[in-house]
Protein backbone atom coordinates (compact mmCIF):
# COMPACT_ATOMS: atom_id res chain seq x y z
CA MET A 1 6.36 -4.10 21.04
CA LYS A 2 5.96 -0.41 20.22
CA LEU A 3 3.98 0.51 17.11
CA VAL A 4 5.51 3.25 14.99
CA GLU A 5 3.44 5.36 12.62
CA PRO A 6 4.82 6.25 9.18
CA PRO A 7 6.21 9.81 9.02
CA SER A 8 3.30 11.00 6.88
CA CYS A 9 0.78 10.05 9.58
CA SER A 10 2.62 11.60 12.50
CA ALA A 11 3.35 14.91 10.74
CA THR A 12 1.03 17.86 11.10
CA SER A 13 -1.80 18.05 8.59
CA THR A 14 -0.79 19.14 5.14
CA ILE A 15 -2.62 19.79 1.90
CA VAL A 16 -3.23 16.77 -0.31
CA PHE A 17 -4.07 17.37 -3.96
CA ILE A 18 -6.35 14.94 -5.79
CA GLY A 19 -7.27 14.85 -9.46
CA ARG A 20 -6.96 12.86 -12.66
CA ASN A 21 -3.83 12.29 -14.67
CA GLN A 22 -3.71 12.23 -18.49
CA ARG A 23 -4.63 8.52 -18.49
CA GLY A 24 -7.77 9.12 -16.41
CA GLN A 25 -6.39 7.57 -13.23
CA TRP A 26 -6.99 9.34 -9.93
CA VAL A 27 -3.92 10.79 -8.23
CA ALA A 28 -3.55 11.80 -4.59
CA GLN A 29 -0.37 13.65 -3.68
CA GLN A 30 0.83 15.58 -0.66
CA GLN A 31 1.78 19.15 -1.59
CA ASN A 32 5.50 18.59 -1.02
CA GLY A 33 5.56 15.18 -2.70
CA LEU A 34 6.23 13.32 0.56
CA TYR A 35 3.60 10.72 -0.30
CA GLY A 36 1.11 9.97 -3.03
CA GLY A 37 -0.48 7.27 -5.11
CA LEU A 38 -2.59 6.28 -8.11
CA PHE A 39 -6.17 5.13 -7.63
CA VAL A 40 -8.95 3.56 -9.69
CA ASN A 41 -11.60 6.02 -8.49
CA ARG A 42 -12.07 9.31 -6.67
CA ALA A 43 -13.44 7.68 -3.51
CA GLN A 44 -10.25 5.68 -3.01
CA ALA A 45 -8.07 8.75 -3.63
CA VAL A 46 -10.03 10.72 -1.02
CA LYS A 47 -9.92 7.82 1.45
CA TYR A 48 -6.13 7.62 1.07
CA ALA A 49 -5.75 11.40 1.40
CA LEU A 50 -7.80 11.40 4.61
CA PHE A 51 -5.78 8.53 6.06
CA GLU A 52 -2.49 10.22 5.28
CA ASN A 53 -3.43 13.71 6.46
CA GLY A 54 -4.96 12.66 9.78
CA GLN A 55 -8.65 12.84 8.75
CA HIS A 56 -8.70 16.52 7.77
CA PRO A 57 -11.07 16.87 4.78
CA GLU A 58 -10.56 20.63 4.75
CA MET A 59 -6.94 19.97 3.73
CA ILE A 60 -7.87 18.02 0.57
CA VAL A 61 -7.89 20.04 -2.65
CA GLU A 62 -9.39 18.65 -5.84
CA LEU A 63 -7.67 20.03 -8.91
CA SER A 64 -9.57 21.19 -11.97
CA ARG A 65 -6.68 20.32 -14.29
CA GLU A 66 -4.60 17.18 -14.83
CA ILE A 67 -2.10 16.17 -12.18
CA GLU A 68 0.71 13.68 -12.61
CA LEU A 69 2.12 11.75 -9.68
CA ASP A 70 5.47 13.32 -8.86
CA ILE A 71 7.24 12.40 -5.65
CA SER A 72 10.36 14.42 -6.35
CA GLY A 73 9.34 16.97 -3.71
CA GLU A 74 9.01 19.84 -6.18
CA THR A 75 5.28 20.49 -6.49
CA ALA A 76 4.33 23.86 -7.97
CA PRO A 77 1.29 25.88 -6.86
CA LEU A 78 -1.82 24.68 -8.69
CA PRO A 79 -5.27 26.16 -9.39
CA ALA A 80 -7.79 24.17 -7.38
CA SER A 81 -11.22 23.75 -5.89
CA ARG A 82 -11.75 22.46 -2.36
CA VAL A 83 -13.40 19.13 -1.64
CA ALA A 84 -16.32 19.33 0.75
């Protein structure tokens, strides 16, 4: 049996935005809206982002403003600060 990775894991590393939505939940979302999710805390959002982007912390950007989960594929450029 051959194991197949989801498309988000096999793709080259992409930027993942993390931040809080208006309800205070943590959001992690790939820049093009290919994948994303809602999380209870920042640690889980970062863990998910790292899993999905192939363990590239330099490609995770924490936003200083609210972010809403939108998987329509139309993410606009956002002001941000990098996660270390």
